[in-house]
Amino acid sequence: MEAAEAGSLLGGGGIVHSHSAAVFPAAAVATPLLLDIAQQGHPAARDTALGLVDEALSSYPHAEYTRVTTPYGTAVPICCAIADHLRAHTVLLAGLGKRGRALLADAAEHWRFEIRECVADGDDTAAFGALAGSFPGGVHTTELHLAGDIAVLDEVALEYPPVEGSLEACLRVMGRRPANCRPAPPCSQRNAVNACTDQLHDRAEAELLRTPDSSNP
């Protein structure tokens, strides 16, 4: 009963509003605390905590309250911040059965790519770095976060996926060639995902994030 009462308060406007399927920025801060409860708390508290996290990840934010500050960005969509907390607790969630694995699968759709180097390739840019989550097939619109600024990239596709046990990947940014990118290496080297990670040109942290849309929170 105590777990149900606490869950009702958090689900009725604390971090989400269940009746309107709305999520508030506080959910991004609350997620690691709820996951700690899921790990250490009573089974009823665990179920309540996981239910709140699930609801937060799948709900829509109110206008003008859609983003939060994280260690890797100052304007990160709430859903992406929650997904990162879930990935940080992969071992815990994987051990909680079907519900935990379902949360991890949902979190994978909110991917993030840390750019470590970019290479000019024709009219495009090959971006090498680490992929968190699963980049979907096809060409997608994404957000580029760099030094506090956000730019929209209209056409981004997965060039080389991570190999097993690694996060290293390559994305192709179509029709965009930044001036500070060096020319592409020979074709024989481009077949390796990490071919161009030997010397970084730009040490500024840059992030590509899935762009939220109205049809998929």
C-alpha atoms as a PDB file:
ATOM      1  CA  MET A   1       0.000   0.000   0.000  1.00  0.00           C
ATOM      2  CA  GLU A   2       2.875   2.372   0.756  1.00  0.00           C
ATOM      3  CA  ALA A   3       4.427   1.663  -2.640  1.00  0.00           C
ATOM      4  CA  ALA A   4       1.095   2.215  -4.376  1.00  0.00           C
ATOM      5  CA  GLU A   5       0.579   5.519  -2.566  1.00  0.00           C
ATOM      6  CA  ALA A   6       4.054   6.784  -3.446  1.00  0.00           C
ATOM      7  CA  GLY A   7       3.640   5.664  -7.052  1.00  0.00           C
ATOM      8  CA  SER A   8       0.305   7.437  -7.258  1.00  0.00           C
ATOM      9  CA  LEU A   9       1.855  10.718  -6.139  1.00  0.00           C
ATOM     10  CA  LEU A  10       4.721  10.470  -8.623  1.00  0.00           C
ATOM     11  CA  GLY A  11       2.407   9.295 -11.388  1.00  0.00           C
ATOM     12  CA  GLY A  12      -0.184  11.959 -10.718  1.00  0.00           C
ATOM     13  CA  GLY A  13       2.041  14.945 -11.364  1.00  0.00           C
ATOM     14  CA  GLY A  14       5.366  14.307  -9.625  1.00  0.00           C
ATOM     15  CA  ILE A  15       7.356  13.089 -12.628  1.00  0.00           C
ATOM     16  CA  VAL A  16       4.564  12.078 -15.004  1.00  0.00           C
ATOM     17  CA  HIS A  17       0.852  12.738 -15.302  1.00  0.00           C
ATOM     18  CA  SER A  18      -0.682   9.402 -16.150  1.00  0.00           C
ATOM     19  CA  HIS A  19      -4.083  10.680 -17.263  1.00  0.00           C
ATOM     20  CA  SER A  20      -2.648  13.010 -19.900  1.00  0.00           C
ATOM     21  CA  ALA A  21       0.380  10.799 -20.739  1.00  0.00           C
ATOM     22  CA  ALA A  22       2.717  13.713 -19.964  1.00  0.00           C
ATOM     23  CA  VAL A  23       6.285  13.510 -18.662  1.00  0.00           C
ATOM     24  CA  PHE A  24       8.053  16.279 -16.752  1.00  0.00           C
ATOM     25  CA  PRO A  25      11.791  17.152 -16.732  1.00  0.00           C
ATOM     26  CA  ALA A  26      12.008  15.823 -13.154  1.00  0.00           C
ATOM     27  CA  ALA A  27      11.678  12.313 -14.601  1.00  0.00           C
ATOM     28  CA  ALA A  28      15.223  12.489 -15.987  1.00  0.00           C
ATOM     29  CA  VAL A  29      16.568  13.214 -12.479  1.00  0.00           C
ATOM     30  CA  ALA A  30      14.296  10.656 -10.824  1.00  0.00           C
ATOM     31  CA  THR A  31      15.137   7.730 -13.135  1.00  0.00           C
ATOM     32  CA  PRO A  32      18.443   6.654 -11.489  1.00  0.00           C
ATOM     33  CA  LEU A  33      16.784   6.942  -8.062  1.00  0.00           C
ATOM     34  CA  LEU A  34      13.877   4.774  -9.207  1.00  0.00           C
ATOM     35  CA  LEU A  35      16.328   2.225 -10.617  1.00  0.00           C
ATOM     36  CA  ASP A  36      18.110   2.108  -7.259  1.00  0.00           C
ATOM     37  CA  ILE A  37      14.744   1.385  -5.632  1.00  0.00           C
ATOM     38  CA  ALA A  38      14.138  -1.345  -8.212  1.00  0.00           C
ATOM     39  CA  GLN A  39      17.469  -2.904  -7.251  1.00  0.00           C
ATOM     40  CA  GLN A  40      17.248  -2.638  -3.472  1.00  0.00           C
ATOM     41  CA  GLY A  41      13.606  -2.149  -2.586  1.00  0.00           C
ATOM     42  CA  HIS A  42      10.651  -4.363  -1.750  1.00  0.00           C
ATOM     43  CA  PRO A  43       9.182  -6.234  -4.770  1.00  0.00           C
ATOM     44  CA  ALA A  44       6.129  -3.968  -4.700  1.00  0.00           C
ATOM     45  CA  ALA A  45       8.382  -0.893  -4.718  1.00  0.00           C
ATOM     46  CA  ARG A  46      10.410  -2.405  -7.560  1.00  0.00           C
ATOM     47  CA  ASP A  47       7.317  -2.949  -9.697  1.00  0.00           C
ATOM     48  CA  THR A  48       6.085   0.573  -8.975  1.00  0.00           C
ATOM     49  CA  ALA A  49       9.475   2.108  -9.809  1.00  0.00           C
ATOM     50  CA  LEU A  50       9.804   0.223 -13.099  1.00  0.00           C
ATOM     51  CA  GLY A  51       6.270   1.168 -14.043  1.00  0.00           C
ATOM     52  CA  LEU A  52       7.020   4.851 -13.494  1.00  0.00           C
ATOM     53  CA  VAL A  53      10.203   4.682 -15.567  1.00  0.00           C
ATOM     54  CA  ASP A  54       8.353   2.891 -18.355  1.00  0.00           C
ATOM     55  CA  GLU A  55       5.634   5.546 -18.304  1.00  0.00           C
ATOM     56  CA  ALA A  56       8.160   8.390 -18.308  1.00  0.00           C
ATOM     57  CA  LEU A  57       9.997   7.000 -21.327  1.00  0.00           C
ATOM     58  CA  SER A  58       6.822   6.588 -23.360  1.00  0.00           C
ATOM     59  CA  SER A  59       5.038   9.845 -22.462  1.00  0.00           C
ATOM     60  CA  TYR A  60       5.112  13.234 -24.193  1.00  0.00           C
ATOM     61  CA  PRO A  61       6.613  16.352 -22.552  1.00  0.00           C
ATOM     62  CA  HIS A  62       4.759  19.631 -22.331  1.00  0.00           C
ATOM     63  CA  ALA A  63       5.766  22.354 -24.777  1.00  0.00           C
ATOM     64  CA  GLU A  64       8.794  24.362 -23.591  1.00  0.00           C
ATOM     65  CA  TYR A  65       9.607  21.644 -21.034  1.00  0.00           C
ATOM     66  CA  THR A  66      11.023  19.052 -23.411  1.00  0.00           C
ATOM     67  CA  ARG A  67      14.751  19.139 -22.608  1.00  0.00           C
ATOM     68  CA  VAL A  68      17.124  18.748 -19.674  1.00  0.00           C
ATOM     69  CA  THR A  69      20.800  19.299 -18.905  1.00  0.00           C
ATOM     70  CA  THR A  70      23.035  16.214 -18.832  1.00  0.00           C
ATOM     71  CA  PRO A  71      26.809  15.670 -18.556  1.00  0.00           C
ATOM     72  CA  TYR A  72      26.960  15.436 -22.369  1.00  0.00           C
ATOM     73  CA  GLY A  73      24.597  18.250 -23.344  1.00  0.00           C
ATOM     74  CA  THR A  74      22.579  21.198 -22.072  1.00  0.00           C
ATOM     75  CA  ALA A  75      19.445  20.656 -24.167  1.00  0.00           C
ATOM     76  CA  VAL A  76      18.921  16.894 -24.351  1.00  0.00           C
ATOM     77  CA  PRO A  77      15.376  15.549 -24.961  1.00  0.00           C
ATOM     78  CA  ILE A  78      13.909  14.074 -21.769  1.00  0.00           C
ATOM     79  CA  CYS A  79      13.399  10.687 -23.417  1.00  0.00           C
ATOM     80  CA  CYS A  80      17.062  10.461 -24.476  1.00  0.00           C
ATOM     81  CA  ALA A  81      18.271  11.373 -20.981  1.00  0.00           C
ATOM     82  CA  ILE A  82      16.058   8.669 -19.462  1.00  0.00           C
ATOM     83  CA  ALA A  83      17.295   6.138 -22.026  1.00  0.00           C
ATOM     84  CA  ASP A  84      20.914   6.845 -21.090  1.00  0.00           C
ATOM     85  CA  HIS A  85      20.168   6.126 -17.428  1.00  0.00           C
ATOM     86  CA  LEU A  86      18.571   2.830 -18.454  1.00  0.00           C
ATOM     87  CA  ARG A  87      21.611   1.829 -20.520  1.00  0.00           C
ATOM     88  CA  ALA A  88      23.826   2.637 -17.518  1.00  0.00           C
ATOM     89  CA  HIS A  89      21.821   0.016 -15.570  1.00  0.00           C
ATOM     90  CA  THR A  90      21.870  -2.670 -18.268  1.00  0.00           C
ATOM     91  CA  VAL A  91      23.054  -5.450 -15.956  1.00  0.00           C
ATOM     92  CA  LEU A  92      20.356  -4.675 -13.394  1.00  0.00           C
ATOM     93  CA  LEU A  93      17.525  -4.468 -15.922  1.00  0.00           C
ATOM     94  CA  ALA A  94      18.624  -7.572 -17.821  1.00  0.00           C
ATOM     95  CA  GLY A  95      18.410  -9.482 -14.550  1.00  0.00           C
ATOM     96  CA  LEU A  96      14.855  -8.339 -13.822  1.00  0.00           C
ATOM     97  CA  GLY A  97      13.237 -10.529 -16.432  1.00  0.00           C
ATOM     98  CA  LYS A  98      10.905  -9.609 -19.256  1.00  0.00           C
ATOM     99  CA  ARG A  99      10.004  -6.175 -17.947  1.00  0.00           C
ATOM    100  CA  GLY A 100      13.612  -5.093 -17.542  1.00  0.00           C
ATOM    101  CA  ARG A 101      14.563  -6.355 -20.994  1.00  0.00           C
ATOM    102  CA  ALA A 102      11.586  -4.535 -22.504  1.00  0.00           C
ATOM    103  CA  LEU A 103      12.793  -1.278 -20.954  1.00  0.00           C
ATOM    104  CA  LEU A 104      16.254  -1.815 -22.449  1.00  0.00           C
ATOM    105  CA  ALA A 105      14.722  -2.490 -25.868  1.00  0.00           C
ATOM    106  CA  ASP A 106      12.694   0.724 -25.657  1.00  0.00           C
ATOM    107  CA  ALA A 107      15.765   2.668 -24.525  1.00  0.00           C
ATOM    108  CA  ALA A 108      17.755   1.413 -27.532  1.00  0.00           C
ATOM    109  CA  GLU A 109      15.425   3.355 -29.841  1.00  0.00           C
ATOM    110  CA  HIS A 110      16.658   6.591 -28.237  1.00  0.00           C
ATOM    111  CA  TRP A 111      20.164   6.408 -29.635  1.00  0.00           C
ATOM    112  CA  ARG A 112      23.106   8.768 -29.142  1.00  0.00           C
ATOM    113  CA  PHE A 113      26.332   9.004 -31.154  1.00  0.00           C
ATOM    114  CA  GLU A 114      29.495  10.649 -29.805  1.00  0.00           C
ATOM    115  CA  ILE A 115      31.566  11.980 -32.696  1.00  0.00           C
ATOM    116  CA  ARG A 116      35.292  11.464 -32.266  1.00  0.00           C
ATOM    117  CA  GLU A 117      36.414  12.372 -35.773  1.00  0.00           C
ATOM    118  CA  CYS A 118      34.879  13.396 -39.065  1.00  0.00           C
ATOM    119  CA  VAL A 119      36.280  12.750 -42.543  1.00  0.00           C
ATOM    120  CA  ALA A 120      35.207  14.492 -45.750  1.00  0.00           C
ATOM    121  CA  ASP A 121      34.094  11.938 -48.348  1.00  0.00           C
ATOM    122  CA  GLY A 122      32.915  13.565 -51.578  1.00  0.00           C
ATOM    123  CA  ASP A 123      29.987  15.814 -50.744  1.00  0.00           C
ATOM    124  CA  ASP A 124      29.303  13.858 -47.557  1.00  0.00           C
ATOM    125  CA  THR A 125      30.923  13.476 -44.158  1.00  0.00           C
ATOM    126  CA  ALA A 126      31.855  10.196 -42.509  1.00  0.00           C
ATOM    127  CA  ALA A 127      31.549  10.576 -38.732  1.00  0.00           C
ATOM    128  CA  PHE A 128      33.450   8.076 -36.578  1.00  0.00           C
ATOM    129  CA  GLY A 129      32.668   7.533 -32.914  1.00  0.00           C
ATOM    130  CA  ALA A 130      30.698   5.576 -30.324  1.00  0.00           C
ATOM    131  CA  LEU A 131      27.046   4.605 -30.750  1.00  0.00           C
ATOM    132  CA  ALA A 132      24.813   4.141 -27.706  1.00  0.00           C
ATOM    133  CA  GLY A 133      21.531   2.472 -28.578  1.00  0.00           C
ATOM    134  CA  SER A 134      20.475   1.232 -32.002  1.00  0.00           C
ATOM    135  CA  PHE A 135      20.526   3.438 -35.079  1.00  0.00           C
ATOM    136  CA  PRO A 136      17.486   2.488 -37.199  1.00  0.00           C
ATOM    137  CA  GLY A 137      17.786   1.456 -40.818  1.00  0.00           C
ATOM    138  CA  GLY A 138      17.461   4.048 -43.554  1.00  0.00           C
ATOM    139  CA  VAL A 139      18.112   7.790 -43.628  1.00  0.00           C
ATOM    140  CA  HIS A 140      17.012   9.969 -40.705  1.00  0.00           C
ATOM    141  CA  THR A 141      16.946  13.557 -39.470  1.00  0.00           C
ATOM    142  CA  THR A 142      19.132  14.076 -36.412  1.00  0.00           C
ATOM    143  CA  GLU A 143      20.323  16.804 -34.077  1.00  0.00           C
ATOM    144  CA  LEU A 144      23.986  17.783 -33.888  1.00  0.00           C
ATOM    145  CA  HIS A 145      24.930  19.143 -30.446  1.00  0.00           C
ATOM    146  CA  LEU A 146      28.239  21.018 -30.434  1.00  0.00           C
ATOM    147  CA  ALA A 147      29.522  23.586 -27.924  1.00  0.00           C
ATOM    148  CA  GLY A 148      26.008  24.364 -26.688  1.00  0.00           C
ATOM    149  CA  ASP A 149      24.560  24.860 -30.163  1.00  0.00           C
ATOM    150  CA  ILE A 150      22.098  22.544 -31.911  1.00  0.00           C
ATOM    151  CA  ALA A 151      21.958  22.044 -35.690  1.00  0.00           C
ATOM    152  CA  VAL A 152      19.557  19.797 -37.593  1.00  0.00           C
ATOM    153  CA  LEU A 153      21.074  17.337 -40.066  1.00  0.00           C
ATOM    154  CA  ASP A 154      18.484  16.242 -42.607  1.00  0.00           C
ATOM    155  CA  GLU A 155      20.075  13.042 -43.922  1.00  0.00           C
ATOM    156  CA  VAL A 156      22.102  10.741 -41.697  1.00  0.00           C
ATOM    157  CA  ALA A 157      22.539   6.997 -42.188  1.00  0.00           C
ATOM    158  CA  LEU A 158      24.503   4.201 -40.539  1.00  0.00           C
ATOM    159  CA  GLU A 159      27.593   3.474 -42.624  1.00  0.00           C
ATOM    160  CA  TYR A 160      29.255   0.809 -40.454  1.00  0.00           C
ATOM    161  CA  PRO A 161      27.490  -0.711 -37.419  1.00  0.00           C
ATOM    162  CA  PRO A 162      29.341  -1.618 -34.226  1.00  0.00           C
ATOM    163  CA  VAL A 163      30.915  -5.044 -34.133  1.00  0.00           C
ATOM    164  CA  GLU A 164      30.126  -7.351 -31.241  1.00  0.00           C
ATOM    165  CA  GLY A 165      31.532  -6.103 -27.962  1.00  0.00           C
ATOM    166  CA  SER A 166      32.274  -2.608 -29.277  1.00  0.00           C
ATOM    167  CA  LEU A 167      30.439   0.712 -29.545  1.00  0.00           C
ATOM    168  CA  GLU A 168      32.614   1.986 -32.431  1.00  0.00           C
ATOM    169  CA  ALA A 169      30.577   2.880 -35.509  1.00  0.00           C
ATOM    170  CA  CYS A 170      30.489   5.190 -38.502  1.00  0.00           C
ATOM    171  CA  LEU A 171      27.609   7.397 -39.648  1.00  0.00           C
ATOM    172  CA  ARG A 172      27.317   9.125 -43.017  1.00  0.00           C
ATOM    173  CA  VAL A 173      26.062  12.712 -43.056  1.00  0.00           C
ATOM    174  CA  MET A 174      24.806  13.286 -46.583  1.00  0.00           C
ATOM    175  CA  GLY A 175      25.271  16.569 -48.411  1.00  0.00           C
ATOM    176  CA  ARG A 176      27.300  18.171 -45.640  1.00  0.00           C
ATOM    177  CA  ARG A 177      31.057  18.612 -45.619  1.00  0.00           C
ATOM    178  CA  PRO A 178      32.466  20.670 -42.722  1.00  0.00           C
ATOM    179  CA  ALA A 179      35.564  22.668 -43.530  1.00  0.00           C
ATOM    180  CA  ASN A 180      37.648  21.125 -40.738  1.00  0.00           C
ATOM    181  CA  CYS A 181      37.224  17.538 -41.961  1.00  0.00           C
ATOM    182  CA  ARG A 182      40.255  15.948 -43.587  1.00  0.00           C
ATOM    183  CA  PRO A 183      40.007  13.993 -46.880  1.00  0.00           C
ATOM    184  CA  ALA A 184      38.903  10.384 -46.816  1.00  0.00           C
ATOM    185  CA  PRO A 185      41.579   7.669 -46.562  1.00  0.00           C
ATOM    186  CA  PRO A 186      42.068   5.065 -49.309  1.00  0.00           C
ATOM    187  CA  CYS A 187      39.157   2.681 -49.886  1.00  0.00           C
ATOM    188  CA  SER A 188      41.014  -0.217 -48.324  1.00  0.00           C
ATOM    189  CA  GLN A 189      41.193   1.702 -45.063  1.00  0.00           C
ATOM    190  CA  ARG A 190      37.629   2.977 -45.149  1.00  0.00           C
ATOM    191  CA  ASN A 191      36.359  -0.588 -44.744  1.00  0.00           C
ATOM    192  CA  ALA A 192      37.505  -0.490 -41.122  1.00  0.00           C
ATOM    193  CA  VAL A 193      35.189   1.260 -38.692  1.00  0.00           C
ATOM    194  CA  ASN A 194      38.047   2.744 -36.715  1.00  0.00           C
ATOM    195  CA  ALA A 195      40.295   3.521 -39.697  1.00  0.00           C
ATOM    196  CA  CYS A 196      40.302   7.222 -38.973  1.00  0.00           C
ATOM    197  CA  THR A 197      40.434   7.322 -35.185  1.00  0.00           C
ATOM    198  CA  ASP A 198      44.232   7.443 -34.972  1.00  0.00           C
ATOM    199  CA  GLN A 199      44.460  11.243 -34.938  1.00  0.00           C
ATOM    200  CA  LEU A 200      41.566  13.412 -33.792  1.00  0.00           C
ATOM    201  CA  HIS A 201      41.157  16.734 -35.560  1.00  0.00           C
ATOM    202  CA  ASP A 202      38.551  18.317 -33.311  1.00  0.00           C
ATOM    203  CA  ARG A 203      38.619  17.551 -29.599  1.00  0.00           C
ATOM    204  CA  ALA A 204      35.360  19.427 -28.932  1.00  0.00           C
ATOM    205  CA  GLU A 205      32.657  17.035 -27.810  1.00  0.00           C
ATOM    206  CA  ALA A 206      29.924  16.617 -30.382  1.00  0.00           C
ATOM    207  CA  GLU A 207      26.816  14.514 -30.104  1.00  0.00           C
ATOM    208  CA  LEU A 208      24.278  13.283 -32.627  1.00  0.00           C
ATOM    209  CA  LEU A 209      20.914  12.594 -31.052  1.00  0.00           C
ATOM    210  CA  ARG A 210      17.767  11.054 -32.388  1.00  0.00           C
ATOM    211  CA  THR A 211      15.406  13.888 -33.255  1.00  0.00           C
ATOM    212  CA  PRO A 212      12.134  13.604 -31.267  1.00  0.00           C
ATOM    213  CA  ASP A 213       8.951  13.877 -33.319  1.00  0.00           C
ATOM    214  CA  SER A 214       5.276  14.128 -32.558  1.00  0.00           C
ATOM    215  CA  SER A 215       4.515  10.589 -33.658  1.00  0.00           C
ATOM    216  CA  ASN A 216       7.110   8.870 -31.458  1.00  0.00           C
ATOM    217  CA  PRO A 217       8.047  10.430 -28.088  1.00  0.00           C
END
